[in-house]
Protein backbone atom coordinates (compact mmCIF):
# COMPACT_ATOMS: atom_id res chain seq x y z
CA MET A 1 -20.07 2.33 13.78
CA PHE A 2 -16.52 1.83 15.08
CA ASP A 3 -14.80 4.33 17.37
CA PRO A 4 -11.04 3.86 16.86
CA SER A 5 -10.23 5.86 19.99
CA THR A 6 -12.14 3.43 22.26
CA GLY A 7 -12.38 0.29 20.14
CA VAL A 8 -16.13 0.22 20.73
CA THR A 9 -18.59 -0.71 17.98
CA THR A 10 -22.19 0.50 17.94
CA SER A 11 -25.03 -0.72 15.74
CA ILE A 12 -26.57 2.20 13.84
CA GLY A 13 -29.28 0.43 11.84
CA ASP A 14 -30.22 -2.11 9.22
CA THR A 15 -28.64 -1.81 5.76
CA GLY A 16 -31.35 -3.97 4.23
CA ASP A 17 -28.96 -6.53 2.68
CA ARG A 18 -25.62 -8.28 3.19
CA SER A 19 -22.62 -6.16 2.35
CA THR A 20 -19.17 -7.60 1.68
CA GLY A 21 -17.22 -4.37 1.33
CA LEU A 22 -17.35 -0.83 2.66
CA ALA A 23 -15.45 2.31 1.62
CA PHE A 24 -15.64 6.02 2.36
CA ASP A 25 -14.99 8.49 -0.47
CA SER A 26 -13.15 11.80 -0.07
CA ALA A 27 -16.45 13.57 0.73
CA GLY A 28 -17.13 11.20 3.63
CA ILE A 29 -19.86 9.25 1.84
CA LEU A 30 -20.01 5.60 2.91
CA TYR A 31 -20.38 3.06 0.08
CA ALA A 32 -21.28 -0.61 0.43
CA VAL A 33 -21.27 -3.45 -2.09
CA THR A 34 -23.48 -6.50 -1.72
CA GLY A 35 -22.09 -9.98 -2.17
CA ASP A 36 -22.60 -13.65 -1.45
CA GLY A 37 -25.84 -14.33 0.38
CA ALA A 38 -27.30 -10.93 -0.47
CA GLY A 39 -30.75 -10.52 -1.91
CA VAL A 40 -29.37 -8.39 -4.77
CA LEU A 41 -25.79 -9.33 -5.72
CA GLU A 42 -22.98 -7.05 -6.95
CA THR A 43 -24.81 -3.82 -6.24
CA LEU A 44 -23.32 -0.56 -4.97
CA TYR A 45 -25.18 1.47 -2.35
CA THR A 46 -24.50 4.51 -0.21
CA LEU A 47 -25.31 4.03 3.46
CA GLY A 48 -26.68 6.67 5.78
CA ILE A 49 -24.13 7.26 8.52
CA ALA A 50 -26.79 7.94 11.15
CA ASP A 51 -29.06 4.95 10.50
CA GLY A 52 -27.46 2.59 7.92
CA SER A 53 -30.23 3.23 5.39
CA PRO A 54 -29.19 2.15 1.86
CA THR A 55 -29.59 4.17 -1.35
CA LEU A 56 -29.07 2.37 -4.65
CA VAL A 57 -26.15 3.75 -6.66
CA ALA A 58 -25.36 1.19 -9.38
CA THR A 59 -25.29 -2.44 -10.43
CA LEU A 60 -21.61 -3.26 -10.84
CA GLY A 61 -20.71 -6.48 -12.57
CA SER A 62 -21.37 -10.13 -13.06
CA GLY A 63 -18.53 -11.89 -11.36
CA ASN A 64 -19.38 -15.26 -9.90
CA ASP A 65 -18.19 -14.96 -6.30
CA GLY A 66 -16.80 -12.47 -3.80
CA GLU A 67 -17.19 -8.72 -4.10
CA THR A 68 -15.09 -5.93 -2.67
CA ILE A 69 -14.64 -2.17 -3.07
CA ALA A 70 -11.96 0.39 -2.24
CA PHE A 71 -11.74 4.14 -2.72
CA THR A 72 -8.60 6.00 -3.76
CA PRO A 73 -8.28 9.76 -3.26
CA ASP A 74 -5.65 9.89 -6.03
CA ASP A 75 -8.32 9.78 -8.73
CA ASP A 76 -11.57 10.00 -6.68
CA LEU A 77 -12.72 6.63 -8.02
CA THR A 78 -14.23 3.63 -6.25
CA TYR A 79 -12.62 0.41 -7.46
CA TYR A 80 -14.46 -2.88 -7.35
CA ALA A 81 -13.56 -6.51 -7.91
CA SER A 82 -15.85 -9.49 -8.22
CA GLY A 83 -15.55 -13.18 -8.94
CA GLU A 84 -13.08 -15.99 -9.31
CA GLY A 85 -12.18 -18.13 -12.30
CA VAL A 86 -11.62 -16.88 -15.81
CA PRO A 87 -10.31 -13.27 -15.96
CA ASN A 88 -12.77 -10.85 -17.62
CA VAL A 89 -15.46 -13.57 -17.71
CA ASN A 90 -16.01 -14.76 -14.11
CA GLU A 91 -13.60 -12.21 -12.62
CA ILE A 92 -14.61 -8.57 -13.02
CA PHE A 93 -12.56 -5.47 -12.16
CA GLY A 94 -13.61 -1.89 -12.68
CA THR A 95 -14.18 1.63 -11.40
CA PHE A 96 -17.14 3.74 -10.40
CA ASP A 97 -16.88 7.53 -10.67
CA PRO A 98 -19.21 9.07 -8.05
CA SER A 99 -19.11 12.50 -9.72
CA SER A 100 -20.45 11.20 -13.05
CA SER A 101 -21.96 7.81 -12.08
CA ILE A 102 -19.89 6.22 -14.86
CA ILE A 103 -18.83 2.59 -14.49
CA ASP A 104 -15.77 1.49 -16.45
CA SER A 105 -14.36 -2.01 -16.81
CA ILE A 106 -10.65 -2.62 -16.39
CA THR A 107 -9.21 -5.52 -18.39
CA ILE A 108 -7.49 -8.13 -16.23
CA ARG A 109 -4.22 -9.31 -17.77
CA GLY A 110 -1.84 -12.03 -16.70
């Protein structure tokens, strides 16, 4: 946990795997995505704020390297990106809707 008023970080527990991205949604739920070096790749979890305990949410995509997530309050969606190389083959981009648990792919152009 990071306290922005003091700059102090405090360990709150073990998440059970390696996460490469974290994001809070508008309800204050903390999401984590696993990435390179993780036991289970490209997987979205919620993390318990008090102890870091993970809860499986969804398997996201099949990009070949590098995972990240971000939440936007404009549409209440969690966006994720994964991979490098050929767009829409090795590079994956999409959204996760926490209210419906629907995962949608977004076509990468350009």
